[in-house]
């Protein structure tokens, strides 16, 4: 990822799984001066990230980080806090799926 993609990724990561408009991303991810000089700077970057499979877009032009897909359907969802507590106690939770956005390394490989 280049620096603009990384800025957008970090900004959207703070929103979790919520969709955010491209104007809001351009305003907050790039900084005030960058937005005032070129308000549409984020559109080509967002399109590029969506083509690579990093972002999901909806019909209203909003974007979010694509959640990491888990192939195993026989798994159960476990809260990240509960999974952490269980791991601290030494209990191994097999087949547990936590809802996380993944790391930057995962999205760099796309």
PDB file of N, CA and C in Angstrom:
ATOM      1  N   UNK A   1       0.846  -1.185   0.000  1.00  0.00           N
ATOM      2  CA  UNK A   1       0.000   0.000   0.000  1.00  0.00           C
ATOM      3  C   UNK A   1       0.885   1.240   0.000  1.00  0.00           C
ATOM      4  N   UNK A   2       0.460   2.239  -0.728  1.00  0.00           N
ATOM      5  CA  UNK A   2       1.185   3.499  -0.694  1.00  0.00           C
ATOM      6  C   UNK A   2       0.688   4.325   0.500  1.00  0.00           C
ATOM      7  N   UNK A   3       1.227   5.522   0.643  1.00  0.00           N
ATOM      8  CA  UNK A   3       0.914   6.326   1.838  1.00  0.00           C
ATOM      9  C   UNK A   3      -0.552   6.760   1.886  1.00  0.00           C
ATOM     10  N   UNK A   4      -1.130   7.092   0.736  1.00  0.00           N
ATOM     11  CA  UNK A   4      -2.538   7.504   0.720  1.00  0.00           C
ATOM     12  C   UNK A   4      -3.446   6.333   1.083  1.00  0.00           C
ATOM     13  N   UNK A   5      -3.146   5.158   0.538  1.00  0.00           N
ATOM     14  CA  UNK A   5      -3.932   3.977   0.875  1.00  0.00           C
ATOM     15  C   UNK A   5      -3.812   3.640   2.357  1.00  0.00           C
ATOM     16  N   UNK A   6      -2.616   3.789   2.889  1.00  0.00           N
ATOM     17  CA  UNK A   6      -2.399   3.504   4.315  1.00  0.00           C
ATOM     18  C   UNK A   6      -3.168   4.493   5.194  1.00  0.00           C
ATOM     19  N   UNK A   7      -3.191   5.767   4.796  1.00  0.00           N
ATOM     20  CA  UNK A   7      -3.960   6.770   5.544  1.00  0.00           C
ATOM     21  C   UNK A   7      -5.449   6.429   5.545  1.00  0.00           C
ATOM     22  N   UNK A   8      -5.961   6.066   4.379  1.00  0.00           N
ATOM     23  CA  UNK A   8      -7.373   5.698   4.284  1.00  0.00           C
ATOM     24  C   UNK A   8      -7.653   4.433   5.078  1.00  0.00           C
ATOM     25  N   UNK A   9      -6.760   3.454   4.992  1.00  0.00           N
ATOM     26  CA  UNK A   9      -6.938   2.205   5.728  1.00  0.00           C
ATOM     27  C   UNK A   9      -6.985   2.466   7.231  1.00  0.00           C
ATOM     28  N   UNK A  10      -6.060   3.275   7.736  1.00  0.00           N
ATOM     29  CA  UNK A  10      -6.033   3.565   9.172  1.00  0.00           C
ATOM     30  C   UNK A  10      -7.285   4.331   9.603  1.00  0.00           C
ATOM     31  N   UNK A  11      -7.750   5.258   8.763  1.00  0.00           N
ATOM     32  CA  UNK A  11      -8.953   6.001   9.101  1.00  0.00           C
ATOM     33  C   UNK A  11     -10.172   5.085   9.142  1.00  0.00           C
ATOM     34  N   UNK A  12     -10.334   4.237   8.119  1.00  0.00           N
ATOM     35  CA  UNK A  12     -11.491   3.341   8.079  1.00  0.00           C
ATOM     36  C   UNK A  12     -11.419   2.276   9.165  1.00  0.00           C
ATOM     37  N   UNK A  13     -10.221   1.906   9.557  1.00  0.00           N
ATOM     38  CA  UNK A  13     -10.069   0.928  10.643  1.00  0.00           C
ATOM     39  C   UNK A  13     -10.647   1.467  11.943  1.00  0.00           C
ATOM     40  N   UNK A  14     -10.561   2.775  12.149  1.00  0.00           N
ATOM     41  CA  UNK A  14     -11.111   3.373  13.363  1.00  0.00           C
ATOM     42  C   UNK A  14     -12.641   3.356  13.358  1.00  0.00           C
ATOM     43  N   UNK A  15     -13.258   3.201  12.188  1.00  0.00           N
ATOM     44  CA  UNK A  15     -14.714   3.150  12.081  1.00  0.00           C
ATOM     45  C   UNK A  15     -15.251   1.734  12.195  1.00  0.00           C
ATOM     46  N   UNK A  16     -14.382   0.748  12.286  1.00  0.00           N
ATOM     47  CA  UNK A  16     -14.830  -0.635  12.396  1.00  0.00           C
ATOM     48  C   UNK A  16     -15.460  -1.097  11.099  1.00  0.00           C
ATOM     49  N   UNK A  17     -16.661  -1.654  11.166  1.00  0.00           N
ATOM     50  CA  UNK A  17     -17.334  -2.169   9.988  1.00  0.00           C
ATOM     51  C   UNK A  17     -18.345  -1.217   9.406  1.00  0.00           C
ATOM     52  N   UNK A  18     -18.366   0.031   9.851  1.00  0.00           N
ATOM     53  CA  UNK A  18     -19.342   1.003   9.354  1.00  0.00           C
ATOM     54  C   UNK A  18     -18.906   1.575   8.010  1.00  0.00           C
ATOM     55  N   UNK A  19     -19.891   1.891   7.183  1.00  0.00           N
ATOM     56  CA  UNK A  19     -19.618   2.545   5.904  1.00  0.00           C
ATOM     57  C   UNK A  19     -19.423   4.038   6.129  1.00  0.00           C
ATOM     58  N   UNK A  20     -18.475   4.617   5.372  1.00  0.00           N
ATOM     59  CA  UNK A  20     -18.149   6.041   5.475  1.00  0.00           C
ATOM     60  C   UNK A  20     -18.143   6.620   4.071  1.00  0.00           C
ATOM     61  N   UNK A  21     -18.695   7.828   3.905  1.00  0.00           N
ATOM     62  CA  UNK A  21     -18.750   8.450   2.582  1.00  0.00           C
ATOM     63  C   UNK A  21     -17.355   8.857   2.109  1.00  0.00           C
ATOM     64  N   UNK A  22     -17.208   8.949   0.799  1.00  0.00           N
ATOM     65  CA  UNK A  22     -15.901   9.305   0.236  1.00  0.00           C
ATOM     66  C   UNK A  22     -15.507  10.741   0.603  1.00  0.00           C
ATOM     67  N   UNK A  23     -16.471  11.613   0.759  1.00  0.00           N
ATOM     68  CA  UNK A  23     -16.149  12.997   1.152  1.00  0.00           C
ATOM     69  C   UNK A  23     -15.599  13.042   2.570  1.00  0.00           C
ATOM     70  N   UNK A  24     -16.196  12.259   3.451  1.00  0.00           N
ATOM     71  CA  UNK A  24     -15.715  12.206   4.835  1.00  0.00           C
ATOM     72  C   UNK A  24     -14.314  11.607   4.894  1.00  0.00           C
ATOM     73  N   UNK A  25     -14.072  10.600   4.078  1.00  0.00           N
ATOM     74  CA  UNK A  25     -12.738   9.999   4.028  1.00  0.00           C
ATOM     75  C   UNK A  25     -11.725  11.005   3.514  1.00  0.00           C
ATOM     76  N   UNK A  26     -12.062  11.724   2.447  1.00  0.00           N
ATOM     77  CA  UNK A  26     -11.141  12.716   1.882  1.00  0.00           C
ATOM     78  C   UNK A  26     -10.879  13.838   2.870  1.00  0.00           C
ATOM     79  N   UNK A  27     -11.892  14.220   3.628  1.00  0.00           N
ATOM     80  CA  UNK A  27     -11.757  15.323   4.579  1.00  0.00           C
ATOM     81  C   UNK A  27     -10.876  14.935   5.769  1.00  0.00           C
ATOM     82  N   UNK A  28     -11.061  13.742   6.282  1.00  0.00           N
ATOM     83  CA  UNK A  28     -10.386  13.381   7.533  1.00  0.00           C
ATOM     84  C   UNK A  28      -9.116  12.564   7.363  1.00  0.00           C
ATOM     85  N   UNK A  29      -9.031  11.757   6.322  1.00  0.00           N
ATOM     86  CA  UNK A  29      -7.864  10.891   6.177  1.00  0.00           C
ATOM     87  C   UNK A  29      -6.654  11.651   5.644  1.00  0.00           C
ATOM     88  N   UNK A  30      -6.870  12.643   4.797  1.00  0.00           N
ATOM     89  CA  UNK A  30      -5.751  13.333   4.173  1.00  0.00           C
ATOM     90  C   UNK A  30      -5.324  14.613   4.847  1.00  0.00           C
ATOM     91  N   UNK A  31      -6.142  15.124   5.707  1.00  0.00           N
ATOM     92  CA  UNK A  31      -5.812  16.379   6.340  1.00  0.00           C
ATOM     93  C   UNK A  31      -6.553  17.547   5.708  1.00  0.00           C
ATOM     94  N   UNK A  32      -6.578  18.646   6.439  1.00  0.00           N
ATOM     95  CA  UNK A  32      -7.355  19.811   6.028  1.00  0.00           C
ATOM     96  C   UNK A  32      -6.810  20.458   4.757  1.00  0.00           C
ATOM     97  N   UNK A  33      -5.517  20.646   4.683  1.00  0.00           N
ATOM     98  CA  UNK A  33      -4.959  21.349   3.525  1.00  0.00           C
ATOM     99  C   UNK A  33      -5.082  20.521   2.254  1.00  0.00           C
ATOM    100  N   UNK A  34      -4.881  19.228   2.359  1.00  0.00           N
ATOM    101  CA  UNK A  34      -5.015  18.366   1.185  1.00  0.00           C
ATOM    102  C   UNK A  34      -6.454  18.369   0.681  1.00  0.00           C
ATOM    103  N   UNK A  35      -7.415  18.369   1.598  1.00  0.00           N
ATOM    104  CA  UNK A  35      -8.824  18.386   1.210  1.00  0.00           C
ATOM    105  C   UNK A  35      -9.197  19.715   0.547  1.00  0.00           C
ATOM    106  N   UNK A  36      -8.664  20.836   1.062  1.00  0.00           N
ATOM    107  CA  UNK A  36      -8.999  22.133   0.476  1.00  0.00           C
ATOM    108  C   UNK A  36      -8.371  22.316  -0.902  1.00  0.00           C
ATOM    109  N   UNK A  37      -7.185  21.745  -1.114  1.00  0.00           N
ATOM    110  CA  UNK A  37      -6.543  21.857  -2.431  1.00  0.00           C
ATOM    111  C   UNK A  37      -7.249  20.994  -3.470  1.00  0.00           C
ATOM    112  N   UNK A  38      -7.499  19.730  -3.135  1.00  0.00           N
ATOM    113  CA  UNK A  38      -8.169  18.807  -4.059  1.00  0.00           C
ATOM    114  C   UNK A  38      -9.177  17.977  -3.277  1.00  0.00           C
ATOM    115  N   UNK A  39     -10.440  18.394  -3.250  1.00  0.00           N
ATOM    116  CA  UNK A  39     -11.446  17.687  -2.447  1.00  0.00           C
ATOM    117  C   UNK A  39     -11.752  16.269  -2.932  1.00  0.00           C
ATOM    118  N   UNK A  40     -11.446  15.969  -4.177  1.00  0.00           N
ATOM    119  CA  UNK A  40     -11.762  14.643  -4.720  1.00  0.00           C
ATOM    120  C   UNK A  40     -10.541  13.731  -4.801  1.00  0.00           C
ATOM    121  N   UNK A  41      -9.500  13.992  -4.002  1.00  0.00           N
ATOM    122  CA  UNK A  41      -8.273  13.210  -4.083  1.00  0.00           C
ATOM    123  C   UNK A  41      -8.484  11.746  -3.707  1.00  0.00           C
ATOM    124  N   UNK A  42      -9.452  11.438  -2.895  1.00  0.00           N
ATOM    125  CA  UNK A  42      -9.612  10.074  -2.383  1.00  0.00           C
ATOM    126  C   UNK A  42     -10.339   9.147  -3.356  1.00  0.00           C
ATOM    127  N   UNK A  43     -11.084   9.679  -4.301  1.00  0.00           N
ATOM    128  CA  UNK A  43     -11.879   8.821  -5.196  1.00  0.00           C
ATOM    129  C   UNK A  43     -11.031   7.811  -5.965  1.00  0.00           C
ATOM    130  N   UNK A  44      -9.953   8.213  -6.649  1.00  0.00           N
ATOM    131  CA  UNK A  44      -9.170   7.198  -7.378  1.00  0.00           C
ATOM    132  C   UNK A  44      -8.502   6.193  -6.446  1.00  0.00           C
ATOM    133  N   UNK A  45      -8.102   6.648  -5.285  1.00  0.00           N
ATOM    134  CA  UNK A  45      -7.466   5.742  -4.325  1.00  0.00           C
ATOM    135  C   UNK A  45      -8.485   4.734  -3.800  1.00  0.00           C
ATOM    136  N   UNK A  46      -9.694   5.193  -3.495  1.00  0.00           N
ATOM    137  CA  UNK A  46     -10.746   4.300  -3.017  1.00  0.00           C
ATOM    138  C   UNK A  46     -11.136   3.290  -4.090  1.00  0.00           C
ATOM    139  N   UNK A  47     -11.238   3.734  -5.338  1.00  0.00           N
ATOM    140  CA  UNK A  47     -11.565   2.810  -6.427  1.00  0.00           C
ATOM    141  C   UNK A  47     -10.479   1.749  -6.593  1.00  0.00           C
ATOM    142  N   UNK A  48      -9.226   2.180  -6.494  1.00  0.00           N
ATOM    143  CA  UNK A  48      -8.109   1.242  -6.607  1.00  0.00           C
ATOM    144  C   UNK A  48      -8.131   0.223  -5.468  1.00  0.00           C
ATOM    145  N   UNK A  49      -8.423   0.691  -4.259  1.00  0.00           N
ATOM    146  CA  UNK A  49      -8.481  -0.218  -3.112  1.00  0.00           C
ATOM    147  C   UNK A  49      -9.672  -1.170  -3.224  1.00  0.00           C
ATOM    148  N   UNK A  50     -10.760  -0.697  -3.800  1.00  0.00           N
ATOM    149  CA  UNK A  50     -11.934  -1.560  -3.979  1.00  0.00           C
ATOM    150  C   UNK A  50     -11.646  -2.627  -5.037  1.00  0.00           C
ATOM    151  N   UNK A  51     -10.947  -2.280  -6.100  1.00  0.00           N
ATOM    152  CA  UNK A  51     -10.595  -3.252  -7.126  1.00  0.00           C
ATOM    153  C   UNK A  51      -9.657  -4.327  -6.587  1.00  0.00           C
ATOM    154  N   UNK A  52      -8.767  -3.948  -5.686  1.00  0.00           N
ATOM    155  CA  UNK A  52      -7.834  -4.907  -5.095  1.00  0.00           C
ATOM    156  C   UNK A  52      -8.486  -5.769  -4.032  1.00  0.00           C
ATOM    157  N   UNK A  53      -9.718  -5.448  -3.626  1.00  0.00           N
ATOM    158  CA  UNK A  53     -10.419  -6.265  -2.644  1.00  0.00           C
ATOM    159  C   UNK A  53     -10.175  -5.854  -1.214  1.00  0.00           C
ATOM    160  N   UNK A  54      -9.633  -4.674  -0.995  1.00  0.00           N
ATOM    161  CA  UNK A  54      -9.384  -4.196   0.363  1.00  0.00           C
ATOM    162  C   UNK A  54     -10.646  -3.578   0.942  1.00  0.00           C
ATOM    163  N   UNK A  55     -11.418  -2.886   0.102  1.00  0.00           N
ATOM    164  CA  UNK A  55     -12.604  -2.177   0.567  1.00  0.00           C
ATOM    165  C   UNK A  55     -13.867  -2.744  -0.060  1.00  0.00           C
ATOM    166  N   UNK A  56     -14.971  -2.571   0.654  1.00  0.00           N
ATOM    167  CA  UNK A  56     -16.311  -2.827   0.137  1.00  0.00           C
ATOM    168  C   UNK A  56     -16.971  -1.482  -0.099  1.00  0.00           C
ATOM    169  N   UNK A  57     -17.771  -1.399  -1.132  1.00  0.00           N
ATOM    170  CA  UNK A  57     -18.522  -0.179  -1.398  1.00  0.00           C
ATOM    171  C   UNK A  57     -19.999  -0.496  -1.485  1.00  0.00           C
ATOM    172  N   UNK A  58     -20.827   0.494  -1.199  1.00  0.00           N
ATOM    173  CA  UNK A  58     -22.265   0.303  -1.339  1.00  0.00           C
ATOM    174  C   UNK A  58     -22.792   1.210  -2.446  1.00  0.00           C
ATOM    175  N   UNK A  59     -24.090   1.164  -2.669  1.00  0.00           N
ATOM    176  CA  UNK A  59     -24.704   1.910  -3.765  1.00  0.00           C
ATOM    177  C   UNK A  59     -24.695   3.413  -3.527  1.00  0.00           C
ATOM    178  N   UNK A  60     -24.525   3.837  -2.298  1.00  0.00           N
ATOM    179  CA  UNK A  60     -24.531   5.261  -1.973  1.00  0.00           C
ATOM    180  C   UNK A  60     -23.145   5.892  -2.020  1.00  0.00           C
ATOM    181  N   UNK A  61     -22.151   5.153  -2.460  1.00  0.00           N
ATOM    182  CA  UNK A  61     -20.803   5.699  -2.574  1.00  0.00           C
ATOM    183  C   UNK A  61     -20.053   5.727  -1.265  1.00  0.00           C
ATOM    184  N   UNK A  62     -20.407   4.847  -0.348  1.00  0.00           N
ATOM    185  CA  UNK A  62     -19.712   4.769   0.939  1.00  0.00           C
ATOM    186  C   UNK A  62     -18.820   3.535   0.933  1.00  0.00           C
ATOM    187  N   UNK A  63     -17.787   3.570   1.751  1.00  0.00           N
ATOM    188  CA  UNK A  63     -16.793   2.505   1.768  1.00  0.00           C
ATOM    189  C   UNK A  63     -16.535   2.037   3.198  1.00  0.00           C
ATOM    190  N   UNK A  64     -16.064   0.788   3.294  1.00  0.00           N
ATOM    191  CA  UNK A  64     -15.607   0.228   4.559  1.00  0.00           C
ATOM    192  C   UNK A  64     -14.532  -0.802   4.240  1.00  0.00           C
ATOM    193  N   UNK A  65     -13.774  -1.193   5.249  1.00  0.00           N
ATOM    194  CA  UNK A  65     -12.775  -2.234   5.070  1.00  0.00           C
ATOM    195  C   UNK A  65     -13.504  -3.563   4.953  1.00  0.00           C
ATOM    196  N   UNK A  66     -13.133  -4.331   3.944  1.00  0.00           N
ATOM    197  CA  UNK A  66     -13.760  -5.637   3.740  1.00  0.00           C
ATOM    198  C   UNK A  66     -13.344  -6.565   4.880  1.00  0.00           C
ATOM    199  N   UNK A  67     -14.309  -7.134   5.582  1.00  0.00           N
ATOM    200  CA  UNK A  67     -13.968  -8.053   6.677  1.00  0.00           C
ATOM    201  C   UNK A  67     -13.240  -9.289   6.151  1.00  0.00           C
ATOM    202  N   UNK A  68     -12.391  -9.838   6.980  1.00  0.00           N
ATOM    203  CA  UNK A  68     -11.661 -11.045   6.631  1.00  0.00           C
ATOM    204  C   UNK A  68     -12.661 -12.194   6.597  1.00  0.00           C
ATOM    205  N   UNK A  69     -12.695 -12.914   5.499  1.00  0.00           N
ATOM    206  CA  UNK A  69     -13.648 -14.015   5.386  1.00  0.00           C
ATOM    207  C   UNK A  69     -13.055 -15.266   6.022  1.00  0.00           C
ATOM    208  N   UNK A  70     -13.894 -15.965   6.738  1.00  0.00           N
ATOM    209  CA  UNK A  70     -13.494 -17.219   7.365  1.00  0.00           C
ATOM    210  C   UNK A  70     -14.214 -18.342   6.635  1.00  0.00           C
ATOM    211  N   UNK A  71     -13.474 -19.269   6.085  1.00  0.00           N
ATOM    212  CA  UNK A  71     -14.030 -20.313   5.230  1.00  0.00           C
ATOM    213  C   UNK A  71     -14.788 -21.385   6.014  1.00  0.00           C
ATOM    214  N   UNK A  72     -14.386 -21.653   7.241  1.00  0.00           N
ATOM    215  CA  UNK A  72     -14.972 -22.750   8.008  1.00  0.00           C
ATOM    216  C   UNK A  72     -16.340 -22.337   8.544  1.00  0.00           C
ATOM    217  N   UNK A  73     -17.392 -23.008   8.096  1.00  0.00           N
ATOM    218  CA  UNK A  73     -18.746 -22.647   8.508  1.00  0.00           C
ATOM    219  C   UNK A  73     -19.144 -23.272   9.836  1.00  0.00           C
ATOM    220  N   UNK A  74     -18.374 -24.254  10.330  1.00  0.00           N
ATOM    221  CA  UNK A  74     -18.714 -24.931  11.582  1.00  0.00           C
ATOM    222  C   UNK A  74     -18.142 -24.201  12.793  1.00  0.00           C
ATOM    223  N   UNK A  75     -17.722 -22.981  12.623  1.00  0.00           N
ATOM    224  CA  UNK A  75     -17.136 -22.234  13.724  1.00  0.00           C
ATOM    225  C   UNK A  75     -18.196 -21.420  14.430  1.00  0.00           C
ATOM    226  N   UNK A  76     -17.889 -21.035  15.640  1.00  0.00           N
ATOM    227  CA  UNK A  76     -18.801 -20.215  16.427  1.00  0.00           C
ATOM    228  C   UNK A  76     -18.132 -18.891  16.714  1.00  0.00           C
ATOM    229  N   UNK A  77     -18.927 -17.870  16.783  1.00  0.00           N
ATOM    230  CA  UNK A  77     -18.401 -16.549  17.063  1.00  0.00           C
ATOM    231  C   UNK A  77     -18.120 -16.423  18.553  1.00  0.00           C
ATOM    232  N   UNK A  78     -16.966 -15.865  18.887  1.00  0.00           N
ATOM    233  CA  UNK A  78     -16.592 -15.602  20.267  1.00  0.00           C
ATOM    234  C   UNK A  78     -16.164 -14.149  20.341  1.00  0.00           C
ATOM    235  N   UNK A  79     -16.652 -13.469  21.336  1.00  0.00           N
ATOM    236  CA  UNK A  79     -16.271 -12.082  21.548  1.00  0.00           C
ATOM    237  C   UNK A  79     -14.757 -11.996  21.715  1.00  0.00           C
ATOM    238  N   UNK A  80     -14.111 -10.967  21.156  1.00  0.00           N
ATOM    239  CA  UNK A  80     -12.668 -10.830  21.327  1.00  0.00           C
ATOM    240  C   UNK A  80     -12.253 -10.738  22.795  1.00  0.00           C
ATOM    241  N   UNK A  81     -13.080 -10.099  23.608  1.00  0.00           N
ATOM    242  CA  UNK A  81     -12.757  -9.990  25.031  1.00  0.00           C
ATOM    243  C   UNK A  81     -12.808 -11.358  25.708  1.00  0.00           C
ATOM    244  N   UNK A  82     -13.836 -12.160  25.387  1.00  0.00           N
ATOM    245  CA  UNK A  82     -13.962 -13.493  25.970  1.00  0.00           C
ATOM    246  C   UNK A  82     -12.825 -14.387  25.505  1.00  0.00           C
ATOM    247  N   UNK A  83     -12.478 -14.313  24.217  1.00  0.00           N
ATOM    248  CA  UNK A  83     -11.375 -15.119  23.696  1.00  0.00           C
ATOM    249  C   UNK A  83     -10.069 -14.757  24.386  1.00  0.00           C
ATOM    250  N   UNK A  84      -9.848 -13.481  24.649  1.00  0.00           N
ATOM    251  CA  UNK A  84      -8.629 -13.045  25.330  1.00  0.00           C
ATOM    252  C   UNK A  84      -8.594 -13.575  26.759  1.00  0.00           C
ATOM    253  N   UNK A  85      -9.721 -13.500  27.449  1.00  0.00           N
ATOM    254  CA  UNK A  85      -9.785 -14.004  28.831  1.00  0.00           C
ATOM    255  C   UNK A  85      -9.516 -15.505  28.857  1.00  0.00           C
ATOM    256  N   UNK A  86     -10.115 -16.230  27.932  1.00  0.00           N
ATOM    257  CA  UNK A  86      -9.904 -17.670  27.884  1.00  0.00           C
ATOM    258  C   UNK A  86      -8.453 -18.018  27.579  1.00  0.00           C
ATOM    259  N   UNK A  87      -7.838 -17.274  26.687  1.00  0.00           N
ATOM    260  CA  UNK A  87      -6.434 -17.518  26.372  1.00  0.00           C
ATOM    261  C   UNK A  87      -5.538 -17.215  27.563  1.00  0.00           C
ATOM    262  N   UNK A  88      -5.861 -16.179  28.327  1.00  0.00           N
ATOM    263  CA  UNK A  88      -5.076 -15.857  29.517  1.00  0.00           C
ATOM    264  C   UNK A  88      -5.179 -16.955  30.565  1.00  0.00           C
ATOM    265  N   UNK A  89      -6.340 -17.618  30.629  1.00  0.00           N
ATOM    266  CA  UNK A  89      -6.548 -18.708  31.584  1.00  0.00           C
ATOM    267  C   UNK A  89      -5.973 -20.024  31.091  1.00  0.00           C
ATOM    268  N   UNK A  90      -5.508 -20.057  29.836  1.00  0.00           N
ATOM    269  CA  UNK A  90      -4.914 -21.264  29.303  1.00  0.00           C
ATOM    270  C   UNK A  90      -5.887 -22.170  28.577  1.00  0.00           C
ATOM    271  N   UNK A  91      -7.102 -21.720  28.370  1.00  0.00           N
ATOM    272  CA  UNK A  91      -8.099 -22.510  27.654  1.00  0.00           C
ATOM    273  C   UNK A  91      -7.954 -22.229  26.168  1.00  0.00           C
ATOM    274  N   UNK A  92      -7.800 -23.290  25.392  1.00  0.00           N
ATOM    275  CA  UNK A  92      -7.682 -23.111  23.951  1.00  0.00           C
ATOM    276  C   UNK A  92      -9.070 -23.228  23.343  1.00  0.00           C
ATOM    277  N   UNK A  93      -9.491 -22.183  22.674  1.00  0.00           N
ATOM    278  CA  UNK A  93     -10.799 -22.146  22.038  1.00  0.00           C
ATOM    279  C   UNK A  93     -10.601 -22.498  20.575  1.00  0.00           C
ATOM    280  N   UNK A  94     -10.998 -23.720  20.186  1.00  0.00           N
ATOM    281  CA  UNK A  94     -10.841 -24.150  18.806  1.00  0.00           C
ATOM    282  C   UNK A  94     -12.098 -23.819  18.015  1.00  0.00           C
ATOM    283  N   UNK A  95     -11.904 -23.407  16.809  1.00  0.00           N
ATOM    284  CA  UNK A  95     -13.035 -23.106  15.944  1.00  0.00           C
ATOM    285  C   UNK A  95     -13.717 -21.803  16.277  1.00  0.00           C
ATOM    286  N   UNK A  96     -13.098 -20.957  17.082  1.00  0.00           N
ATOM    287  CA  UNK A  96     -13.703 -19.677  17.444  1.00  0.00           C
ATOM    288  C   UNK A  96     -13.349 -18.642  16.394  1.00  0.00           C
ATOM    289  N   UNK A  97     -14.322 -17.875  16.028  1.00  0.00           N
ATOM    290  CA  UNK A  97     -14.126 -16.810  15.052  1.00  0.00           C
ATOM    291  C   UNK A  97     -14.355 -15.490  15.760  1.00  0.00           C
ATOM    292  N   UNK A  98     -13.383 -14.628  15.691  1.00  0.00           N
ATOM    293  CA  UNK A  98     -13.564 -13.281  16.218  1.00  0.00           C
ATOM    294  C   UNK A  98     -13.775 -12.364  15.037  1.00  0.00           C
ATOM    295  N   UNK A  99     -14.591 -11.360  15.203  1.00  0.00           N
ATOM    296  CA  UNK A  99     -14.852 -10.427  14.118  1.00  0.00           C
ATOM    297  C   UNK A  99     -13.822  -9.318  14.182  1.00  0.00           C
ATOM    298  N   UNK A 100     -12.789  -9.465  13.368  1.00  0.00           N
ATOM    299  CA  UNK A 100     -11.770  -8.425  13.313  1.00  0.00           C
ATOM    300  C   UNK A 100     -11.558  -8.051  11.859  1.00  0.00           C
ATOM    301  N   UNK A 101     -10.931  -6.949  11.663  1.00  0.00           N
ATOM    302  CA  UNK A 101     -10.685  -6.469  10.310  1.00  0.00           C
ATOM    303  C   UNK A 101      -9.386  -7.008   9.748  1.00  0.00           C
ATOM    304  N   UNK A 102      -8.621  -7.727  10.544  1.00  0.00           N
ATOM    305  CA  UNK A 102      -7.364  -8.247  10.071  1.00  0.00           C
ATOM    306  C   UNK A 102      -6.260  -7.210  10.222  1.00  0.00           C
ATOM    307  N   UNK A 103      -5.083  -7.599   9.816  1.00  0.00           N
ATOM    308  CA  UNK A 103      -3.948  -6.698   9.928  1.00  0.00           C
ATOM    309  C   UNK A 103      -3.620  -6.098   8.569  1.00  0.00           C
ATOM    310  N   UNK A 104      -2.739  -5.132   8.589  1.00  0.00           N
ATOM    311  CA  UNK A 104      -2.332  -4.504   7.333  1.00  0.00           C
ATOM    312  C   UNK A 104      -1.599  -5.493   6.442  1.00  0.00           C
ATOM    313  N   UNK A 105      -0.897  -6.464   7.041  1.00  0.00           N
ATOM    314  CA  UNK A 105      -0.178  -7.448   6.251  1.00  0.00           C
ATOM    315  C   UNK A 105      -1.134  -8.271   5.401  1.00  0.00           C
ATOM    316  N   UNK A 106      -2.305  -8.581   5.944  1.00  0.00           N
ATOM    317  CA  UNK A 106      -3.295  -9.336   5.179  1.00  0.00           C
ATOM    318  C   UNK A 106      -3.741  -8.534   3.955  1.00  0.00           C
ATOM    319  N   UNK A 107      -4.016  -7.262   4.138  1.00  0.00           N
ATOM    320  CA  UNK A 107      -4.495  -6.435   3.040  1.00  0.00           C
ATOM    321  C   UNK A 107      -3.382  -6.053   2.080  1.00  0.00           C
ATOM    322  N   UNK A 108      -2.124  -6.044   2.543  1.00  0.00           N
ATOM    323  CA  UNK A 108      -1.014  -5.788   1.642  1.00  0.00           C
ATOM    324  C   UNK A 108      -0.854  -6.927   0.646  1.00  0.00           C
ATOM    325  N   UNK A 109      -1.247  -8.138   1.044  1.00  0.00           N
ATOM    326  CA  UNK A 109      -1.106  -9.297   0.172  1.00  0.00           C
ATOM    327  C   UNK A 109      -2.194  -9.392  -0.882  1.00  0.00           C
ATOM    328  N   UNK A 110      -3.199  -8.542  -0.832  1.00  0.00           N
ATOM    329  CA  UNK A 110      -4.283  -8.608  -1.821  1.00  0.00           C
ATOM    330  C   UNK A 110      -3.892  -7.932  -3.114  1.00  0.00           C
TER     331      UNK A 110
END
